[in-house]
Amino acid sequence: MQQTWICDRADNICGLDDARMLSKPAKLDYDALLKATPEMKKIASDKIDPNSSEGINLRQRAVDRVREKAEAVRTANGYCSVWKTISHKDGRTIPDITDLVKAQL
């Protein structure tokens, strides 16, 4: 079978991460969502060093939060997976769930 999804496994947020298994993936603006989390806002507002133990801890919690909310939106909407970047050889539009995930943060 021809490989038709164009994606990097490292860009997978949740769900299936094997391009050959995909049927209905979605994408999101990961950086925008990360910035929208309470944890990343705290780092910015409290001027916490992102490389300090507290900064690293907060960032990890933000990453976990985005993944958990993306997973909730994925299952609620029947997507097989969620990606930072994904495209298809035939140029089809991939649903962007950024706003749906952001609403849950």
N, C-alpha and C. Protein backbone atom coordinates (compact mmCIF):
# COMPACT_ATOMS: atom_id res chain seq x y z
N MET A 1 0.84 -1.20 0.00
CA MET A 1 0.00 0.00 0.00
C MET A 1 0.88 1.25 0.00
N GLN A 2 0.48 2.21 -0.80
CA GLN A 2 1.22 3.47 -0.92
C GLN A 2 1.12 4.30 0.36
N GLN A 3 2.23 4.84 0.79
CA GLN A 3 2.26 5.73 1.96
C GLN A 3 1.70 7.08 1.52
N THR A 4 0.55 7.48 2.05
CA THR A 4 -0.07 8.71 1.59
C THR A 4 -0.05 9.84 2.61
N TRP A 5 0.06 9.50 3.90
CA TRP A 5 0.15 10.54 4.94
C TRP A 5 1.59 10.98 5.07
N ILE A 6 1.79 12.29 5.16
CA ILE A 6 3.14 12.83 5.31
C ILE A 6 3.25 13.40 6.73
N CYS A 7 3.99 12.69 7.58
CA CYS A 7 4.10 13.11 8.97
C CYS A 7 5.36 12.52 9.59
N ASP A 8 5.76 13.13 10.68
CA ASP A 8 6.92 12.66 11.44
C ASP A 8 6.40 12.17 12.78
N ARG A 9 6.76 10.95 13.14
CA ARG A 9 6.28 10.36 14.40
C ARG A 9 6.51 11.28 15.59
N ALA A 10 7.56 12.08 15.56
CA ALA A 10 7.87 13.01 16.66
C ALA A 10 6.80 14.09 16.80
N ASP A 11 6.00 14.32 15.75
CA ASP A 11 4.95 15.35 15.79
C ASP A 11 3.62 14.81 16.31
N ASN A 12 3.58 13.53 16.65
CA ASN A 12 2.34 12.93 17.16
C ASN A 12 2.08 13.41 18.59
N ILE A 13 0.86 13.84 18.85
CA ILE A 13 0.47 14.27 20.20
C ILE A 13 -0.20 13.12 20.93
N CYS A 14 -1.17 12.48 20.27
CA CYS A 14 -1.87 11.36 20.87
C CYS A 14 -2.54 10.54 19.77
N GLY A 15 -2.96 9.35 20.13
CA GLY A 15 -3.58 8.47 19.15
C GLY A 15 -2.53 7.70 18.36
N LEU A 16 -2.93 7.16 17.22
CA LEU A 16 -2.04 6.36 16.39
C LEU A 16 -0.82 7.17 15.93
N ASP A 17 0.35 6.54 15.96
CA ASP A 17 1.54 7.26 15.47
C ASP A 17 2.19 6.58 14.28
N ASP A 18 1.52 5.57 13.70
CA ASP A 18 2.03 4.89 12.51
C ASP A 18 1.24 5.41 11.31
N ALA A 19 1.92 6.11 10.41
CA ALA A 19 1.26 6.75 9.27
C ALA A 19 0.45 5.75 8.43
N ARG A 20 0.87 4.51 8.40
CA ARG A 20 0.15 3.51 7.59
C ARG A 20 -1.21 3.15 8.18
N MET A 21 -1.40 3.43 9.47
CA MET A 21 -2.64 3.05 10.15
C MET A 21 -3.67 4.18 10.20
N LEU A 22 -3.30 5.38 9.76
CA LEU A 22 -4.18 6.53 9.92
C LEU A 22 -5.39 6.49 9.00
N SER A 23 -6.52 6.97 9.55
CA SER A 23 -7.74 7.05 8.75
C SER A 23 -8.35 8.45 8.83
N LYS A 24 -8.33 9.03 10.03
CA LYS A 24 -8.96 10.34 10.22
C LYS A 24 -8.18 11.16 11.25
N PRO A 25 -6.99 11.63 10.86
CA PRO A 25 -6.18 12.41 11.80
C PRO A 25 -6.63 13.87 11.88
N ALA A 26 -6.21 14.54 12.93
CA ALA A 26 -6.45 15.98 13.10
C ALA A 26 -5.11 16.62 13.44
N LYS A 27 -5.05 17.95 13.33
CA LYS A 27 -3.82 18.66 13.69
C LYS A 27 -4.17 19.81 14.61
N LEU A 28 -3.14 20.38 15.24
CA LEU A 28 -3.34 21.54 16.11
C LEU A 28 -2.09 22.39 16.13
N ASP A 29 -2.25 23.63 16.58
CA ASP A 29 -1.13 24.56 16.72
C ASP A 29 -0.56 24.35 18.12
N TYR A 30 0.43 23.48 18.20
CA TYR A 30 0.97 23.05 19.49
C TYR A 30 1.56 24.20 20.29
N ASP A 31 2.35 25.04 19.63
CA ASP A 31 3.01 26.14 20.35
C ASP A 31 1.99 27.12 20.92
N ALA A 32 0.95 27.41 20.14
CA ALA A 32 -0.09 28.34 20.62
C ALA A 32 -0.82 27.75 21.82
N LEU A 33 -1.10 26.44 21.76
CA LEU A 33 -1.79 25.79 22.87
C LEU A 33 -0.91 25.75 24.11
N LEU A 34 0.37 25.45 23.93
CA LEU A 34 1.29 25.41 25.07
C LEU A 34 1.32 26.78 25.76
N LYS A 35 1.40 27.84 24.95
CA LYS A 35 1.44 29.21 25.51
C LYS A 35 0.15 29.54 26.26
N ALA A 36 -0.97 28.91 25.87
CA ALA A 36 -2.28 29.21 26.46
C ALA A 36 -2.51 28.48 27.78
N THR A 37 -1.62 27.56 28.16
CA THR A 37 -1.82 26.82 29.41
C THR A 37 -1.52 27.69 30.62
N PRO A 38 -2.19 27.42 31.74
CA PRO A 38 -1.92 28.18 32.96
C PRO A 38 -0.45 28.06 33.38
N GLU A 39 0.14 26.90 33.13
CA GLU A 39 1.54 26.68 33.55
C GLU A 39 2.50 27.59 32.79
N MET A 40 2.33 27.68 31.46
CA MET A 40 3.23 28.52 30.67
C MET A 40 2.96 30.01 30.95
N LYS A 41 1.70 30.35 31.23
CA LYS A 41 1.38 31.74 31.58
C LYS A 41 2.05 32.11 32.90
N LYS A 42 2.11 31.15 33.84
CA LYS A 42 2.76 31.39 35.13
C LYS A 42 4.27 31.62 34.94
N ILE A 43 4.88 30.82 34.07
CA ILE A 43 6.32 30.99 33.78
C ILE A 43 6.56 32.42 33.26
N ALA A 44 5.68 32.85 32.34
CA ALA A 44 5.83 34.19 31.75
C ALA A 44 5.55 35.29 32.78
N SER A 45 4.42 35.19 33.49
CA SER A 45 4.03 36.28 34.40
C SER A 45 4.93 36.37 35.63
N ASP A 46 5.39 35.22 36.13
CA ASP A 46 6.25 35.23 37.32
C ASP A 46 7.73 35.28 36.97
N LYS A 47 8.01 35.38 35.66
CA LYS A 47 9.40 35.43 35.16
C LYS A 47 10.25 34.27 35.71
N ILE A 48 9.66 33.07 35.65
CA ILE A 48 10.36 31.87 36.10
C ILE A 48 11.31 31.42 35.00
N ASP A 49 12.53 31.10 35.37
CA ASP A 49 13.52 30.61 34.40
C ASP A 49 13.02 29.27 33.85
N PRO A 50 12.80 29.20 32.53
CA PRO A 50 12.28 27.94 31.95
C PRO A 50 13.23 26.76 32.16
N ASN A 51 14.51 27.05 32.42
CA ASN A 51 15.48 25.97 32.62
C ASN A 51 15.68 25.61 34.09
N SER A 52 14.98 26.33 34.98
CA SER A 52 15.07 25.99 36.41
C SER A 52 14.21 24.76 36.66
N SER A 53 14.36 24.16 37.83
CA SER A 53 13.57 22.96 38.11
C SER A 53 12.08 23.29 38.11
N GLU A 54 11.71 24.46 38.64
CA GLU A 54 10.29 24.85 38.63
C GLU A 54 9.80 25.09 37.20
N GLY A 55 10.64 25.74 36.40
CA GLY A 55 10.27 26.01 35.00
C GLY A 55 10.10 24.73 34.21
N ILE A 56 11.02 23.79 34.39
CA ILE A 56 10.95 22.50 33.69
C ILE A 56 9.70 21.74 34.13
N ASN A 57 9.45 21.76 35.43
CA ASN A 57 8.28 21.10 36.00
C ASN A 57 6.98 21.67 35.43
N LEU A 58 6.89 23.00 35.40
CA LEU A 58 5.69 23.67 34.88
C LEU A 58 5.50 23.36 33.40
N ARG A 59 6.60 23.39 32.64
CA ARG A 59 6.50 23.11 31.20
C ARG A 59 6.01 21.68 30.98
N GLN A 60 6.50 20.74 31.76
CA GLN A 60 6.08 19.35 31.60
C GLN A 60 4.59 19.21 31.91
N ARG A 61 4.13 19.93 32.93
CA ARG A 61 2.70 19.89 33.26
C ARG A 61 1.87 20.50 32.12
N ALA A 62 2.41 21.55 31.49
CA ALA A 62 1.72 22.18 30.35
C ALA A 62 1.63 21.20 29.18
N VAL A 63 2.74 20.50 28.90
CA VAL A 63 2.78 19.50 27.83
C VAL A 63 1.75 18.40 28.10
N ASP A 64 1.72 17.92 29.35
CA ASP A 64 0.76 16.88 29.73
C ASP A 64 -0.68 17.38 29.57
N ARG A 65 -0.92 18.63 29.95
CA ARG A 65 -2.27 19.21 29.87
C ARG A 65 -2.72 19.26 28.40
N VAL A 66 -1.85 19.76 27.52
CA VAL A 66 -2.20 19.85 26.10
C VAL A 66 -2.50 18.44 25.55
N ARG A 67 -1.66 17.47 25.91
CA ARG A 67 -1.87 16.11 25.42
C ARG A 67 -3.20 15.54 25.93
N GLU A 68 -3.49 15.73 27.21
CA GLU A 68 -4.74 15.21 27.79
C GLU A 68 -5.96 15.84 27.12
N LYS A 69 -5.93 17.15 26.91
CA LYS A 69 -7.08 17.83 26.29
C LYS A 69 -7.19 17.45 24.82
N ALA A 70 -6.06 17.29 24.13
CA ALA A 70 -6.09 16.86 22.73
C ALA A 70 -6.68 15.45 22.63
N GLU A 71 -6.34 14.60 23.58
CA GLU A 71 -6.87 13.24 23.60
C GLU A 71 -8.39 13.27 23.82
N ALA A 72 -8.87 14.14 24.71
CA ALA A 72 -10.31 14.25 24.97
C ALA A 72 -11.05 14.70 23.70
N VAL A 73 -10.50 15.69 23.00
CA VAL A 73 -11.12 16.18 21.77
C VAL A 73 -11.05 15.09 20.68
N ARG A 74 -9.92 14.39 20.62
CA ARG A 74 -9.73 13.33 19.62
C ARG A 74 -10.81 12.26 19.77
N THR A 75 -11.01 11.76 20.99
CA THR A 75 -11.98 10.69 21.19
C THR A 75 -13.41 11.20 21.00
N ALA A 76 -13.69 12.42 21.45
CA ALA A 76 -15.05 12.97 21.33
C ALA A 76 -15.44 13.16 19.86
N ASN A 77 -14.47 13.41 19.00
CA ASN A 77 -14.76 13.72 17.60
C ASN A 77 -14.39 12.59 16.63
N GLY A 78 -13.95 11.47 17.19
CA GLY A 78 -13.68 10.31 16.34
C GLY A 78 -12.43 10.38 15.48
N TYR A 79 -11.46 11.19 15.87
CA TYR A 79 -10.20 11.23 15.13
C TYR A 79 -9.31 10.07 15.56
N CYS A 80 -8.49 9.58 14.62
CA CYS A 80 -7.62 8.45 14.96
C CYS A 80 -6.35 8.92 15.68
N SER A 81 -5.97 10.18 15.44
CA SER A 81 -4.74 10.71 16.04
C SER A 81 -4.72 12.22 15.93
N VAL A 82 -3.81 12.84 16.70
CA VAL A 82 -3.63 14.30 16.65
C VAL A 82 -2.14 14.57 16.47
N TRP A 83 -1.83 15.52 15.57
CA TRP A 83 -0.45 15.81 15.17
C TRP A 83 -0.16 17.30 15.23
N LYS A 84 1.13 17.62 15.42
CA LYS A 84 1.58 19.02 15.31
C LYS A 84 1.58 19.40 13.83
N THR A 85 2.08 18.50 12.99
CA THR A 85 2.16 18.74 11.55
C THR A 85 1.83 17.45 10.83
N ILE A 86 0.92 17.51 9.88
CA ILE A 86 0.59 16.34 9.07
C ILE A 86 -0.04 16.83 7.78
N SER A 87 0.23 16.13 6.69
CA SER A 87 -0.43 16.45 5.42
C SER A 87 -0.66 15.15 4.66
N HIS A 88 -1.37 15.26 3.56
CA HIS A 88 -1.69 14.08 2.76
C HIS A 88 -1.24 14.36 1.33
N LYS A 89 -0.75 13.31 0.67
CA LYS A 89 -0.25 13.47 -0.71
C LYS A 89 -1.32 14.04 -1.64
N ASP A 90 -2.59 13.72 -1.39
CA ASP A 90 -3.64 14.21 -2.31
C ASP A 90 -4.10 15.63 -1.96
N GLY A 91 -3.48 16.23 -0.93
CA GLY A 91 -3.75 17.62 -0.60
C GLY A 91 -5.03 17.86 0.18
N ARG A 92 -5.65 16.79 0.69
CA ARG A 92 -6.90 16.97 1.44
C ARG A 92 -6.66 17.84 2.67
N THR A 93 -7.71 18.49 3.13
CA THR A 93 -7.65 19.34 4.31
C THR A 93 -7.68 18.48 5.56
N ILE A 94 -6.77 18.74 6.47
CA ILE A 94 -6.74 18.03 7.75
C ILE A 94 -7.45 18.92 8.77
N PRO A 95 -8.44 18.40 9.49
CA PRO A 95 -9.14 19.24 10.47
C PRO A 95 -8.18 19.80 11.51
N ASP A 96 -8.32 21.09 11.82
CA ASP A 96 -7.51 21.75 12.84
C ASP A 96 -8.37 21.88 14.10
N ILE A 97 -7.94 21.22 15.18
CA ILE A 97 -8.73 21.20 16.42
C ILE A 97 -8.16 22.13 17.49
N THR A 98 -7.29 23.05 17.08
CA THR A 98 -6.65 23.97 18.03
C THR A 98 -7.68 24.67 18.92
N ASP A 99 -8.73 25.23 18.31
CA ASP A 99 -9.72 25.99 19.09
C ASP A 99 -10.50 25.10 20.04
N LEU A 100 -10.80 23.86 19.60
CA LEU A 100 -11.52 22.93 20.47
C LEU A 100 -10.69 22.56 21.70
N VAL A 101 -9.38 22.35 21.47
CA VAL A 101 -8.50 22.00 22.59
C VAL A 101 -8.30 23.23 23.49
N LYS A 102 -8.11 24.39 22.88
CA LYS A 102 -7.87 25.62 23.65
C LYS A 102 -9.05 25.89 24.59
N ALA A 103 -10.27 25.60 24.13
CA ALA A 103 -11.46 25.83 24.94
C ALA A 103 -11.45 24.98 26.21
N GLN A 104 -10.70 23.89 26.20
CA GLN A 104 -10.65 23.00 27.37
C GLN A 104 -9.48 23.29 28.31
N LEU A 105 -8.55 24.10 27.86
CA LEU A 105 -7.38 24.38 28.70
C LEU A 105 -7.79 25.19 29.91
